[in-house]
Every structure is written in C-alpha cells, then in structure tokens.
C-alpha cells in the first residue's frame, strides 16, 4: 500500500481536528494542506515505524507548533485592534485543550497524545484535567438543540445542563429550529443533519446564521461526508454515536473561540 493510500482514510478526521483546534475551517484546512505538502515534499521523512494515522497527526503537530502569527496585533486595516488581537490569541489553542481534543474527540490514548504534543502520558492526563477544570469555569451559554431523535436529544440536553449551560429549546424540524432561535437567541447551537420532516439541520443553521452570528456544532453519523475540504463546512463536528467527553470538548472549544472574532 502506498503512503497516500495509507493516509487517505484519516484525512477527514485530521480536518475535523484541525478545525476544532483553530476554530476555523479556513485556518484548519490550511494547516492540513501544509501538512500534506510537507509529506509530499519529503516522503522519506515520514515516520514509517508507527501507525500511519499517528504519523500524520505528528507531522501536522510539527507544522502547527512551528507556525507563527505574521502580523502584529493592532496593525491591520480591518476593524478594532483589540478584537483582532483576541482573535489571533484564540487561534493559539492552549496545550491543555490540545490534549483534551486529541483524547476526547480524536480518541488517542494518553500515550499517543503525549507522543503528538511532546509530553508524557502522565502530563497529558494532567493537561486534560486542567482543560476540564477550565471548562467548568467557562462562561455559561444558552443552547439550542436541533435533534429529531428523542433519546439522543435527551442525552445531549443532560450533557449541556450538567456543564452548567441553559437549554433554550429542542427543535425537531428546520422551521421549528428557526422559530425557536428567533424567539430566544441562543449562544450556541447543537444541530443534527437529518431532521424529522426530512428537512436539513444544515439548512436550519444557514437560516439562523442569516439572522445573527452564533457558534454551531454539527452532529452526524457520517462526518467524512462533511469533511472533504472542498466547500464551506462545519468547523465543529461530533460523530454519532458520541461520548460525553467528546460533546464536552466540542462545546468548550466552540465557546472558547466565540470570545473573539476569528476570520473564516
């Protein structure tokens, strides 16, 4: 099997991780492209003695760690300097959140996550605990859930409430989702892709975003269909069936980046 064939199945999930890490589809995909360009330019440097997925993420993290913000905060033609500064700082995801995303969202063991970020497994576990403690201190948000399966909706609602956030409503159709969002503006939206009346959660979110800005996390059983890197796609994506820790990490990261205006 060629290196390209070995890495291909893992690319959609690297895109998911990169977008969650940077808070932006454009920035995340740019880092993935840089990773692939580095591998193509020097294929012999790619580690062959480890799992291809681990080697792919390792190369990504080498690119991520070496990247620098080129422009100085406050020296730009666009908008308020303070907002730009916060946006750029927000792109530098703390190491604790990297550890949490790698373990909770991407499913790496503490040992493998440590290999990726240059830490021991014990240090990774400490970083994850630090990230979870930080999440507990996070500003509370009003959350709209768009999900047509009652059991899943109840599960998500419990997770959201246990995190200390308020659920403004649970919508099962596109029209109902838009109506609820207009009636009480949420600070976060969790949306399934397929809804009860065969309408689309993606369309519901587009309608809502046409009225106001709000961070969105999509939930789907087929994430690879939304992670091609070829069109506007979700920045935050949870795979069904999901674990509580995955939802917790995604919510925390979405709200983390919502504290600043991050260019798409």
C-alpha atoms as a PDB file:
ATOM      1  CA  UNK A   1       0.000   0.000   0.000  1.00  0.00           C
ATOM      2  CA  UNK A   2       1.302   3.441  -0.942  1.00  0.00           C
ATOM      3  CA  UNK A   3       1.738   6.191   1.654  1.00  0.00           C
ATOM      4  CA  UNK A   4      -1.081   8.166   0.054  1.00  0.00           C
ATOM      5  CA  UNK A   5      -3.462   5.215   0.293  1.00  0.00           C
ATOM      6  CA  UNK A   6      -2.499   4.651   3.930  1.00  0.00           C
ATOM      7  CA  UNK A   7      -3.157   8.278   4.881  1.00  0.00           C
ATOM      8  CA  UNK A   8      -6.328   8.907   2.846  1.00  0.00           C
ATOM      9  CA  UNK A   9      -8.845   7.382   5.338  1.00  0.00           C
ATOM     10  CA  UNK A  10      -7.500   9.598   8.122  1.00  0.00           C
ATOM     11  CA  UNK A  11      -7.640  12.950   6.310  1.00  0.00           C
ATOM     12  CA  UNK A  12     -11.311  13.783   7.071  1.00  0.00           C
ATOM     13  CA  UNK A  13     -10.652  13.329  10.778  1.00  0.00           C
ATOM     14  CA  UNK A  14      -7.454  15.375  10.668  1.00  0.00           C
ATOM     15  CA  UNK A  15      -9.546  18.150   9.066  1.00  0.00           C
ATOM     16  CA  UNK A  16     -12.056  17.846  11.905  1.00  0.00           C
ATOM     17  CA  UNK A  17      -9.293  18.095  14.493  1.00  0.00           C
ATOM     18  CA  UNK A  18      -7.558  20.988  12.727  1.00  0.00           C
ATOM     19  CA  UNK A  19     -10.789  22.976  12.504  1.00  0.00           C
ATOM     20  CA  UNK A  20     -11.626  22.396  16.154  1.00  0.00           C
ATOM     21  CA  UNK A  21      -8.059  23.308  17.101  1.00  0.00           C
ATOM     22  CA  UNK A  22      -8.055  26.592  15.161  1.00  0.00           C
ATOM     23  CA  UNK A  23     -11.756  27.457  15.407  1.00  0.00           C
ATOM     24  CA  UNK A  24     -11.964  27.975  11.649  1.00  0.00           C
ATOM     25  CA  UNK A  25     -12.475  25.832   8.568  1.00  0.00           C
ATOM     26  CA  UNK A  26     -10.130  28.022   6.519  1.00  0.00           C
ATOM     27  CA  UNK A  27      -7.302  28.047   9.051  1.00  0.00           C
ATOM     28  CA  UNK A  28      -7.682  24.356   9.897  1.00  0.00           C
ATOM     29  CA  UNK A  29      -7.694  23.290   6.259  1.00  0.00           C
ATOM     30  CA  UNK A  30      -4.660  25.494   5.582  1.00  0.00           C
ATOM     31  CA  UNK A  31      -2.681  23.609   8.238  1.00  0.00           C
ATOM     32  CA  UNK A  32      -3.811  20.276   6.774  1.00  0.00           C
ATOM     33  CA  UNK A  33      -2.695  21.385   3.300  1.00  0.00           C
ATOM     34  CA  UNK A  34       0.674  22.452   4.705  1.00  0.00           C
ATOM     35  CA  UNK A  35       0.985  19.050   6.369  1.00  0.00           C
ATOM     36  CA  UNK A  36       0.297  17.195   3.127  1.00  0.00           C
ATOM     37  CA  UNK A  37       2.666  19.457   1.194  1.00  0.00           C
ATOM     38  CA  UNK A  38       5.419  18.685   3.714  1.00  0.00           C
ATOM     39  CA  UNK A  39       4.811  14.941   3.338  1.00  0.00           C
ATOM     40  CA  UNK A  40       4.813  15.134  -0.477  1.00  0.00           C
ATOM     41  CA  UNK A  41       7.977  17.240  -0.465  1.00  0.00           C
ATOM     42  CA  UNK A  42       9.853  14.780   1.759  1.00  0.00           C
ATOM     43  CA  UNK A  43       8.102  11.389   1.808  1.00  0.00           C
ATOM     44  CA  UNK A  44      11.213   9.654   3.146  1.00  0.00           C
ATOM     45  CA  UNK A  45      10.980  11.779   6.293  1.00  0.00           C
ATOM     46  CA  UNK A  46       7.537  10.438   7.144  1.00  0.00           C
ATOM     47  CA  UNK A  47       7.803   8.046  10.127  1.00  0.00           C
ATOM     48  CA  UNK A  48       7.229   4.518   8.834  1.00  0.00           C
ATOM     49  CA  UNK A  49       7.748   2.720  12.115  1.00  0.00           C
ATOM     50  CA  UNK A  50       4.458   3.923  13.658  1.00  0.00           C
ATOM     51  CA  UNK A  51       0.767   3.792  12.743  1.00  0.00           C
ATOM     52  CA  UNK A  52       0.078   5.986   9.653  1.00  0.00           C
ATOM     53  CA  UNK A  53      -2.597   7.970  11.493  1.00  0.00           C
ATOM     54  CA  UNK A  54      -0.211   8.724  14.332  1.00  0.00           C
ATOM     55  CA  UNK A  55       2.475   9.747  11.843  1.00  0.00           C
ATOM     56  CA  UNK A  56       0.024  12.022  10.030  1.00  0.00           C
ATOM     57  CA  UNK A  57      -1.026  13.816  13.213  1.00  0.00           C
ATOM     58  CA  UNK A  58       2.620  14.001  14.300  1.00  0.00           C
ATOM     59  CA  UNK A  59       3.537  15.771  11.070  1.00  0.00           C
ATOM     60  CA  UNK A  60       0.559  18.086  11.482  1.00  0.00           C
ATOM     61  CA  UNK A  61       1.636  18.994  15.011  1.00  0.00           C
ATOM     62  CA  UNK A  62       5.172  19.740  13.828  1.00  0.00           C
ATOM     63  CA  UNK A  63       3.716  22.219  11.312  1.00  0.00           C
ATOM     64  CA  UNK A  64       1.299  23.620  13.913  1.00  0.00           C
ATOM     65  CA  UNK A  65       3.975  24.088  16.552  1.00  0.00           C
ATOM     66  CA  UNK A  66       6.369  25.856  14.196  1.00  0.00           C
ATOM     67  CA  UNK A  67       3.783  28.278  12.797  1.00  0.00           C
ATOM     68  CA  UNK A  68       3.998  31.942  13.821  1.00  0.00           C
ATOM     69  CA  UNK A  69       1.456  34.735  13.566  1.00  0.00           C
ATOM     70  CA  UNK A  70       2.957  37.030  10.964  1.00  0.00           C
ATOM     71  CA  UNK A  71       1.075  40.250  11.624  1.00  0.00           C
ATOM     72  CA  UNK A  72       1.334  42.174  14.867  1.00  0.00           C
ATOM     73  CA  UNK A  73      -1.998  42.636  16.706  1.00  0.00           C
ATOM     74  CA  UNK A  74      -3.265  46.148  16.160  1.00  0.00           C
ATOM     75  CA  UNK A  75      -1.509  46.634  12.814  1.00  0.00           C
ATOM     76  CA  UNK A  76      -4.260  45.847  10.358  1.00  0.00           C
ATOM     77  CA  UNK A  77      -6.764  47.573   8.146  1.00  0.00           C
ATOM     78  CA  UNK A  78      -9.721  45.572   9.430  1.00  0.00           C
ATOM     79  CA  UNK A  79     -11.736  46.523  12.494  1.00  0.00           C
ATOM     80  CA  UNK A  80     -10.810  47.035  16.098  1.00  0.00           C
ATOM     81  CA  UNK A  81      -7.221  46.209  17.123  1.00  0.00           C
ATOM     82  CA  UNK A  82      -8.366  44.634  20.396  1.00  0.00           C
ATOM     83  CA  UNK A  83     -10.732  42.278  18.571  1.00  0.00           C
ATOM     84  CA  UNK A  84      -8.007  41.278  16.115  1.00  0.00           C
ATOM     85  CA  UNK A  85      -5.584  40.629  18.959  1.00  0.00           C
ATOM     86  CA  UNK A  86      -8.073  38.426  20.792  1.00  0.00           C
ATOM     87  CA  UNK A  87      -8.824  36.550  17.574  1.00  0.00           C
ATOM     88  CA  UNK A  88      -5.172  35.767  16.948  1.00  0.00           C
ATOM     89  CA  UNK A  89      -4.549  34.751  20.525  1.00  0.00           C
ATOM     90  CA  UNK A  90      -7.592  32.480  20.381  1.00  0.00           C
ATOM     91  CA  UNK A  91      -6.083  30.621  17.418  1.00  0.00           C
ATOM     92  CA  UNK A  92      -3.190  29.550  19.656  1.00  0.00           C
ATOM     93  CA  UNK A  93      -5.097  26.781  21.388  1.00  0.00           C
ATOM     94  CA  UNK A  94      -3.618  26.054  24.849  1.00  0.00           C
ATOM     95  CA  UNK A  95      -1.753  22.766  25.205  1.00  0.00           C
ATOM     96  CA  UNK A  96      -4.351  21.563  27.710  1.00  0.00           C
ATOM     97  CA  UNK A  97      -7.099  21.894  25.119  1.00  0.00           C
ATOM     98  CA  UNK A  98      -4.948  20.152  22.519  1.00  0.00           C
ATOM     99  CA  UNK A  99      -4.601  17.222  24.900  1.00  0.00           C
ATOM    100  CA  UNK A 100      -8.350  17.184  25.526  1.00  0.00           C
ATOM    101  CA  UNK A 101      -9.223  17.300  21.818  1.00  0.00           C
ATOM    102  CA  UNK A 102      -6.736  14.565  20.964  1.00  0.00           C
ATOM    103  CA  UNK A 103      -8.081  12.207  23.624  1.00  0.00           C
ATOM    104  CA  UNK A 104     -11.783  13.089  23.795  1.00  0.00           C
ATOM    105  CA  UNK A 105     -12.525  13.967  20.166  1.00  0.00           C
ATOM    106  CA  UNK A 106      -9.893  12.026  18.223  1.00  0.00           C
ATOM    107  CA  UNK A 107      -9.727   9.008  20.528  1.00  0.00           C
ATOM    108  CA  UNK A 108      -5.958   8.862  21.031  1.00  0.00           C
ATOM    109  CA  UNK A 109      -4.646   7.227  24.186  1.00  0.00           C
ATOM    110  CA  UNK A 110      -2.768   9.457  26.653  1.00  0.00           C
ATOM    111  CA  UNK A 111       0.447   7.769  25.467  1.00  0.00           C
ATOM    112  CA  UNK A 112      -0.231   8.565  21.804  1.00  0.00           C
ATOM    113  CA  UNK A 113      -1.437  12.082  22.591  1.00  0.00           C
ATOM    114  CA  UNK A 114       1.769  12.608  24.551  1.00  0.00           C
ATOM    115  CA  UNK A 115       3.792  11.447  21.559  1.00  0.00           C
ATOM    116  CA  UNK A 116       1.988  14.019  19.397  1.00  0.00           C
ATOM    117  CA  UNK A 117       2.455  17.021  21.679  1.00  0.00           C
ATOM    118  CA  UNK A 118       5.763  16.083  23.265  1.00  0.00           C
ATOM    119  CA  UNK A 119       4.567  15.107  26.718  1.00  0.00           C
ATOM    120  CA  UNK A 120       4.398  12.022  28.915  1.00  0.00           C
ATOM    121  CA  UNK A 121       1.120  10.173  29.395  1.00  0.00           C
ATOM    122  CA  UNK A 122       1.008  11.468  32.975  1.00  0.00           C
ATOM    123  CA  UNK A 123       1.461  15.027  31.721  1.00  0.00           C
ATOM    124  CA  UNK A 124      -1.326  14.504  29.185  1.00  0.00           C
ATOM    125  CA  UNK A 125      -3.678  13.333  31.909  1.00  0.00           C
ATOM    126  CA  UNK A 126      -2.765  16.414  33.942  1.00  0.00           C
ATOM    127  CA  UNK A 127      -3.356  18.673  30.924  1.00  0.00           C
ATOM    128  CA  UNK A 128      -6.744  17.089  30.294  1.00  0.00           C
ATOM    129  CA  UNK A 129      -7.713  17.634  33.930  1.00  0.00           C
ATOM    130  CA  UNK A 130      -6.563  21.251  33.588  1.00  0.00           C
ATOM    131  CA  UNK A 131      -8.688  21.721  30.470  1.00  0.00           C
ATOM    132  CA  UNK A 132     -11.749  20.215  32.158  1.00  0.00           C
ATOM    133  CA  UNK A 133     -11.277  22.496  35.169  1.00  0.00           C
ATOM    134  CA  UNK A 134     -11.043  25.462  32.815  1.00  0.00           C
ATOM    135  CA  UNK A 135     -14.247  24.355  31.103  1.00  0.00           C
ATOM    136  CA  UNK A 136     -16.022  24.304  34.457  1.00  0.00           C
ATOM    137  CA  UNK A 137     -15.138  27.982  34.827  1.00  0.00           C
ATOM    138  CA  UNK A 138     -16.304  28.829  31.325  1.00  0.00           C
ATOM    139  CA  UNK A 139     -18.999  31.431  30.748  1.00  0.00           C
ATOM    140  CA  UNK A 140     -22.441  29.823  30.668  1.00  0.00           C
ATOM    141  CA  UNK A 141     -24.392  29.878  27.410  1.00  0.00           C
ATOM    142  CA  UNK A 142     -27.969  29.483  26.190  1.00  0.00           C
ATOM    143  CA  UNK A 143     -28.007  26.419  23.924  1.00  0.00           C
ATOM    144  CA  UNK A 144     -30.472  25.455  21.189  1.00  0.00           C
ATOM    145  CA  UNK A 145     -30.562  21.734  20.365  1.00  0.00           C
ATOM    146  CA  UNK A 146     -31.754  20.652  16.911  1.00  0.00           C
ATOM    147  CA  UNK A 147     -32.291  16.878  17.074  1.00  0.00           C
ATOM    148  CA  UNK A 148     -35.262  14.752  15.991  1.00  0.00           C
ATOM    149  CA  UNK A 149     -34.436  11.551  17.929  1.00  0.00           C
ATOM    150  CA  UNK A 150     -35.885  11.939  21.465  1.00  0.00           C
ATOM    151  CA  UNK A 151     -33.371   9.705  23.251  1.00  0.00           C
ATOM    152  CA  UNK A 152     -30.395  11.433  21.659  1.00  0.00           C
ATOM    153  CA  UNK A 153     -31.935  14.860  22.295  1.00  0.00           C
ATOM    154  CA  UNK A 154     -32.426  13.991  25.967  1.00  0.00           C
ATOM    155  CA  UNK A 155     -28.854  12.739  26.216  1.00  0.00           C
ATOM    156  CA  UNK A 156     -27.475  15.953  24.683  1.00  0.00           C
ATOM    157  CA  UNK A 157     -29.710  18.095  26.888  1.00  0.00           C
ATOM    158  CA  UNK A 158     -28.449  16.308  30.008  1.00  0.00           C
ATOM    159  CA  UNK A 159     -24.821  16.839  28.979  1.00  0.00           C
ATOM    160  CA  UNK A 160     -25.428  20.522  28.243  1.00  0.00           C
ATOM    161  CA  UNK A 161     -27.223  21.135  31.548  1.00  0.00           C
ATOM    162  CA  UNK A 162     -24.604  19.185  33.511  1.00  0.00           C
ATOM    163  CA  UNK A 163     -21.992  21.535  32.058  1.00  0.00           C
ATOM    164  CA  UNK A 164     -23.933  24.409  33.575  1.00  0.00           C
ATOM    165  CA  UNK A 165     -25.410  25.741  30.341  1.00  0.00           C
ATOM    166  CA  UNK A 166     -29.081  26.558  29.773  1.00  0.00           C
ATOM    167  CA  UNK A 167     -31.120  24.763  27.087  1.00  0.00           C
ATOM    168  CA  UNK A 168     -33.431  27.239  25.367  1.00  0.00           C
ATOM    169  CA  UNK A 169     -35.288  24.543  23.443  1.00  0.00           C
ATOM    170  CA  UNK A 170     -35.159  21.296  21.476  1.00  0.00           C
ATOM    171  CA  UNK A 171     -36.290  21.567  17.840  1.00  0.00           C
ATOM    172  CA  UNK A 172     -37.035  18.588  15.579  1.00  0.00           C
ATOM    173  CA  UNK A 173     -37.559  20.344  12.222  1.00  0.00           C
ATOM    174  CA  UNK A 174     -35.935  23.149  10.259  1.00  0.00           C
ATOM    175  CA  UNK A 175     -38.865  25.536  10.689  1.00  0.00           C
ATOM    176  CA  UNK A 176     -39.151  24.810  14.405  1.00  0.00           C
ATOM    177  CA  UNK A 177     -35.423  25.409  14.866  1.00  0.00           C
ATOM    178  CA  UNK A 178     -35.568  28.786  13.167  1.00  0.00           C
ATOM    179  CA  UNK A 179     -38.675  29.811  15.112  1.00  0.00           C
ATOM    180  CA  UNK A 180     -37.060  28.894  18.440  1.00  0.00           C
ATOM    181  CA  UNK A 181     -33.828  30.690  17.544  1.00  0.00           C
ATOM    182  CA  UNK A 182     -35.735  33.842  16.644  1.00  0.00           C
ATOM    183  CA  UNK A 183     -37.842  33.661  19.811  1.00  0.00           C
ATOM    184  CA  UNK A 184     -34.803  33.341  22.105  1.00  0.00           C
ATOM    185  CA  UNK A 185     -31.402  33.956  20.612  1.00  0.00           C
ATOM    186  CA  UNK A 186     -29.005  31.134  21.618  1.00  0.00           C
ATOM    187  CA  UNK A 187     -25.327  31.480  22.374  1.00  0.00           C
ATOM    188  CA  UNK A 188     -24.609  28.046  20.874  1.00  0.00           C
ATOM    189  CA  UNK A 189     -26.412  25.655  18.513  1.00  0.00           C
ATOM    190  CA  UNK A 190     -26.060  21.854  18.505  1.00  0.00           C
ATOM    191  CA  UNK A 191     -27.570  20.519  15.265  1.00  0.00           C
ATOM    192  CA  UNK A 192     -28.229  17.111  13.784  1.00  0.00           C
ATOM    193  CA  UNK A 193     -28.011  16.841   9.997  1.00  0.00           C
ATOM    194  CA  UNK A 194     -31.205  14.874   9.194  1.00  0.00           C
ATOM    195  CA  UNK A 195     -34.402  16.095  10.845  1.00  0.00           C
ATOM    196  CA  UNK A 196     -37.898  14.694  11.421  1.00  0.00           C
ATOM    197  CA  UNK A 197     -39.674  16.041   8.313  1.00  0.00           C
ATOM    198  CA  UNK A 198     -36.738  15.161   6.025  1.00  0.00           C
ATOM    199  CA  UNK A 199     -35.550  18.732   6.310  1.00  0.00           C
ATOM    200  CA  UNK A 200     -31.908  19.536   6.871  1.00  0.00           C
ATOM    201  CA  UNK A 201     -30.199  20.724  10.011  1.00  0.00           C
ATOM    202  CA  UNK A 202     -27.644  22.373   7.751  1.00  0.00           C
ATOM    203  CA  UNK A 203     -30.398  24.453   6.127  1.00  0.00           C
ATOM    204  CA  UNK A 204     -31.806  25.341   9.544  1.00  0.00           C
ATOM    205  CA  UNK A 205     -28.391  26.584  10.645  1.00  0.00           C
ATOM    206  CA  UNK A 206     -27.956  28.585   7.425  1.00  0.00           C
ATOM    207  CA  UNK A 207     -31.291  30.289   8.112  1.00  0.00           C
ATOM    208  CA  UNK A 208     -30.255  31.100  11.681  1.00  0.00           C
ATOM    209  CA  UNK A 209     -26.824  32.378  10.665  1.00  0.00           C
ATOM    210  CA  UNK A 210     -28.542  34.591   8.117  1.00  0.00           C
ATOM    211  CA  UNK A 211     -30.068  36.451  11.062  1.00  0.00           C
ATOM    212  CA  UNK A 212     -27.218  36.530  13.594  1.00  0.00           C
ATOM    213  CA  UNK A 213     -23.801  35.074  14.367  1.00  0.00           C
ATOM    214  CA  UNK A 214     -23.643  32.064  16.697  1.00  0.00           C
ATOM    215  CA  UNK A 215     -21.199  29.135  17.077  1.00  0.00           C
ATOM    216  CA  UNK A 216     -22.554  25.827  15.765  1.00  0.00           C
ATOM    217  CA  UNK A 217     -21.652  22.203  16.418  1.00  0.00           C
ATOM    218  CA  UNK A 218     -22.990  19.635  13.945  1.00  0.00           C
ATOM    219  CA  UNK A 219     -23.766  16.042  14.896  1.00  0.00           C
ATOM    220  CA  UNK A 220     -23.709  13.279  12.271  1.00  0.00           C
ATOM    221  CA  UNK A 221     -23.074   9.585  11.832  1.00  0.00           C
ATOM    222  CA  UNK A 222     -21.150  10.305   8.608  1.00  0.00           C
ATOM    223  CA  UNK A 223     -18.573  13.029   9.359  1.00  0.00           C
ATOM    224  CA  UNK A 224     -16.387  12.175   6.365  1.00  0.00           C
ATOM    225  CA  UNK A 225     -19.190  13.401   4.062  1.00  0.00           C
ATOM    226  CA  UNK A 226     -18.858  16.872   5.560  1.00  0.00           C
ATOM    227  CA  UNK A 227     -15.076  16.982   5.802  1.00  0.00           C
ATOM    228  CA  UNK A 228     -13.875  16.994   2.206  1.00  0.00           C
ATOM    229  CA  UNK A 229     -12.271  20.430   2.412  1.00  0.00           C
ATOM    230  CA  UNK A 230     -13.909  21.394  -0.887  1.00  0.00           C
ATOM    231  CA  UNK A 231     -16.773  23.666   0.245  1.00  0.00           C
ATOM    232  CA  UNK A 232     -17.988  25.625   3.279  1.00  0.00           C
ATOM    233  CA  UNK A 233     -18.315  23.019   6.002  1.00  0.00           C
ATOM    234  CA  UNK A 234     -18.733  22.785   9.789  1.00  0.00           C
ATOM    235  CA  UNK A 235     -15.880  23.959  11.973  1.00  0.00           C
ATOM    236  CA  UNK A 236     -17.075  21.788  14.873  1.00  0.00           C
ATOM    237  CA  UNK A 237     -18.337  18.285  14.198  1.00  0.00           C
ATOM    238  CA  UNK A 238     -19.319  15.422  16.522  1.00  0.00           C
ATOM    239  CA  UNK A 239     -19.576  11.850  15.277  1.00  0.00           C
ATOM    240  CA  UNK A 240     -22.505   9.615  16.244  1.00  0.00           C
ATOM    241  CA  UNK A 241     -22.502   7.619  18.418  1.00  0.00           C
ATOM    242  CA  UNK A 242     -20.772  10.142  20.643  1.00  0.00           C
ATOM    243  CA  UNK A 243     -19.230  10.072  24.099  1.00  0.00           C
ATOM    244  CA  UNK A 244     -19.952  12.614  26.785  1.00  0.00           C
ATOM    245  CA  UNK A 245     -16.338  13.768  26.801  1.00  0.00           C
ATOM    246  CA  UNK A 246     -16.472  14.457  23.052  1.00  0.00           C
ATOM    247  CA  UNK A 247     -19.538  16.684  23.377  1.00  0.00           C
ATOM    248  CA  UNK A 248     -17.983  18.440  26.351  1.00  0.00           C
ATOM    249  CA  UNK A 249     -14.748  19.148  24.454  1.00  0.00           C
ATOM    250  CA  UNK A 250     -16.557  20.404  21.354  1.00  0.00           C
ATOM    251  CA  UNK A 251     -18.834  22.730  23.335  1.00  0.00           C
ATOM    252  CA  UNK A 252     -15.896  24.140  25.273  1.00  0.00           C
ATOM    253  CA  UNK A 253     -13.837  24.755  22.137  1.00  0.00           C
ATOM    254  CA  UNK A 254     -16.723  26.354  20.227  1.00  0.00           C
ATOM    255  CA  UNK A 255     -17.416  28.764  23.086  1.00  0.00           C
ATOM    256  CA  UNK A 256     -13.675  29.370  23.534  1.00  0.00           C
ATOM    257  CA  UNK A 257     -13.390  30.741  20.008  1.00  0.00           C
ATOM    258  CA  UNK A 258     -16.652  32.637  20.253  1.00  0.00           C
ATOM    259  CA  UNK A 259     -14.966  35.028  22.687  1.00  0.00           C
ATOM    260  CA  UNK A 260     -13.179  36.576  19.720  1.00  0.00           C
ATOM    261  CA  UNK A 261     -13.979  37.274  16.088  1.00  0.00           C
ATOM    262  CA  UNK A 262     -11.882  34.748  14.235  1.00  0.00           C
ATOM    263  CA  UNK A 263     -11.754  35.372  10.473  1.00  0.00           C
ATOM    264  CA  UNK A 264     -13.024  32.420   8.460  1.00  0.00           C
END
